[in-house]
């Protein structure tokens, strides 16, 4: 079985949800992750904060951001175990983030390193 990262992309990362919207979204997300965990296929997850972030570029150029520099922002990810990319995509299709217009979930297979876990 392989591991896949499901990366959450928000079209407008500067949009702020109300506390009620955020609470409802978190419950939906926890229920979605719970469904994957019930199949023993959830590996882990993390959210990403936007405040205090930096971008390091070629020649050691450092900027604040990535706020205005990109159309999409990465809000977090989960890692799942799946038999195939199609199964990982099926998990991604249930992600609550997809109710937001322009949002997406990128599915990437995690490279294996022999002998390293």
Protein backbone atom coordinates (compact mmCIF):
# COMPACT_ATOMS: atom_id res chain seq x y z
CA UNK A 1 0.00 0.00 0.00
CA UNK A 2 1.30 3.46 -0.89
CA UNK A 3 0.96 6.77 0.92
CA UNK A 4 -0.52 9.85 -0.71
CA UNK A 5 -0.63 13.48 0.35
CA UNK A 6 -3.90 15.35 -0.16
CA UNK A 7 -2.97 19.04 -0.33
CA UNK A 8 -5.71 21.59 0.33
CA UNK A 9 -5.60 24.60 -1.97
CA UNK A 10 -7.76 27.66 -1.26
CA UNK A 11 -8.41 30.05 -4.11
CA UNK A 12 -8.56 33.04 -1.75
CA UNK A 13 -6.53 32.41 1.39
CA UNK A 14 -7.20 35.92 2.67
CA UNK A 15 -10.94 35.29 2.99
CA UNK A 16 -11.87 34.98 6.65
CA UNK A 17 -14.77 32.74 7.65
CA UNK A 18 -17.07 33.61 10.52
CA UNK A 19 -16.53 31.62 13.74
CA UNK A 20 -19.74 29.70 13.00
CA UNK A 21 -18.62 28.83 9.45
CA UNK A 22 -15.22 27.78 10.72
CA UNK A 23 -16.75 25.56 13.41
CA UNK A 24 -19.09 23.88 10.88
CA UNK A 25 -16.23 23.35 8.42
CA UNK A 26 -14.02 21.86 11.15
CA UNK A 27 -16.75 19.39 12.13
CA UNK A 28 -17.24 18.36 8.50
CA UNK A 29 -13.49 17.94 8.12
CA UNK A 30 -13.16 15.87 11.29
CA UNK A 31 -16.07 13.66 10.16
CA UNK A 32 -14.41 13.21 6.74
CA UNK A 33 -11.05 12.33 8.31
CA UNK A 34 -12.85 10.02 10.77
CA UNK A 35 -14.31 8.10 7.83
CA UNK A 36 -10.83 7.58 6.37
CA UNK A 37 -9.45 6.63 9.80
CA UNK A 38 -12.26 4.07 10.25
CA UNK A 39 -10.81 2.29 7.20
CA UNK A 40 -7.36 2.36 8.87
CA UNK A 41 -6.04 4.52 6.00
CA UNK A 42 -5.42 7.86 7.76
CA UNK A 43 -1.73 8.56 8.42
CA UNK A 44 -1.62 12.17 9.64
CA UNK A 45 -2.45 15.81 8.94
CA UNK A 46 -1.44 19.40 9.52
CA UNK A 47 -2.90 22.81 8.87
CA UNK A 48 -0.72 25.70 7.76
CA UNK A 49 -0.85 29.27 9.08
CA UNK A 50 -0.48 32.26 6.80
CA UNK A 51 0.75 34.81 9.32
CA UNK A 52 4.50 35.17 9.69
CA UNK A 53 5.29 33.08 6.61
CA UNK A 54 8.23 33.78 4.30
CA UNK A 55 9.24 32.76 0.81
CA UNK A 56 12.91 32.04 0.10
CA UNK A 57 13.93 32.37 -3.53
CA UNK A 58 17.02 31.93 -5.68
CA UNK A 59 20.07 33.92 -4.49
CA UNK A 60 18.68 33.93 -0.92
CA UNK A 61 16.02 36.54 -1.64
CA UNK A 62 13.46 36.43 1.20
CA UNK A 63 9.99 37.98 0.99
CA UNK A 64 6.96 38.07 3.23
CA UNK A 65 4.20 35.96 1.91
CA UNK A 66 3.10 34.23 -0.14
CA UNK A 67 0.01 36.45 0.32
CA UNK A 68 -0.32 38.61 -2.80
CA UNK A 69 2.15 36.65 -4.87
CA UNK A 70 -0.06 33.70 -5.75
CA UNK A 71 -3.70 33.18 -6.60
CA UNK A 72 -4.00 30.05 -4.43
CA UNK A 73 -2.76 29.31 -0.96
CA UNK A 74 -2.07 25.94 0.61
CA UNK A 75 -4.10 25.61 3.80
CA UNK A 76 -2.94 22.18 4.93
CA UNK A 77 -2.78 18.53 4.05
CA UNK A 78 -3.51 15.00 5.15
CA UNK A 79 -1.59 11.84 4.42
CA UNK A 80 -3.51 8.66 3.61
CA UNK A 81 -2.70 5.06 2.75
CA UNK A 82 -4.31 3.80 -0.46
CA UNK A 83 -4.08 0.87 -2.85
CA UNK A 84 -3.95 3.24 -5.85
CA UNK A 85 -4.09 6.88 -6.84
CA UNK A 86 -7.74 6.29 -7.78
CA UNK A 87 -8.52 5.33 -4.19
CA UNK A 88 -6.66 8.41 -2.91
CA UNK A 89 -8.64 10.56 -5.38
CA UNK A 90 -11.86 9.01 -4.06
CA UNK A 91 -10.86 10.16 -0.55
CA UNK A 92 -10.09 13.65 -1.93
CA UNK A 93 -13.52 13.91 -3.59
CA UNK A 94 -15.14 13.80 -0.13
CA UNK A 95 -13.08 16.69 1.27
CA UNK A 96 -15.26 19.51 2.66
CA UNK A 97 -12.91 22.14 1.24
CA UNK A 98 -14.37 21.40 -2.18
CA UNK A 99 -17.63 23.20 -1.31
CA UNK A 100 -15.69 26.44 -1.76
CA UNK A 101 -15.70 27.58 -5.38
CA UNK A 102 -12.18 27.54 -6.81
CA UNK A 103 -10.80 25.37 -4.01
CA UNK A 104 -9.06 22.11 -4.86
CA UNK A 105 -7.35 19.07 -3.40
CA UNK A 106 -4.09 18.03 -5.04
CA UNK A 107 -3.32 14.30 -4.74
CA UNK A 108 0.38 13.34 -4.79
CA UNK A 109 2.01 9.97 -4.21
CA UNK A 110 4.72 10.14 -1.56
CA UNK A 111 8.11 8.91 -2.74
CA UNK A 112 9.45 5.91 -0.86
CA UNK A 113 13.01 5.74 0.38
CA UNK A 114 14.30 2.21 0.76
CA UNK A 115 15.28 1.52 4.35
CA UNK A 116 14.18 4.93 5.61
CA UNK A 117 10.83 5.42 7.36
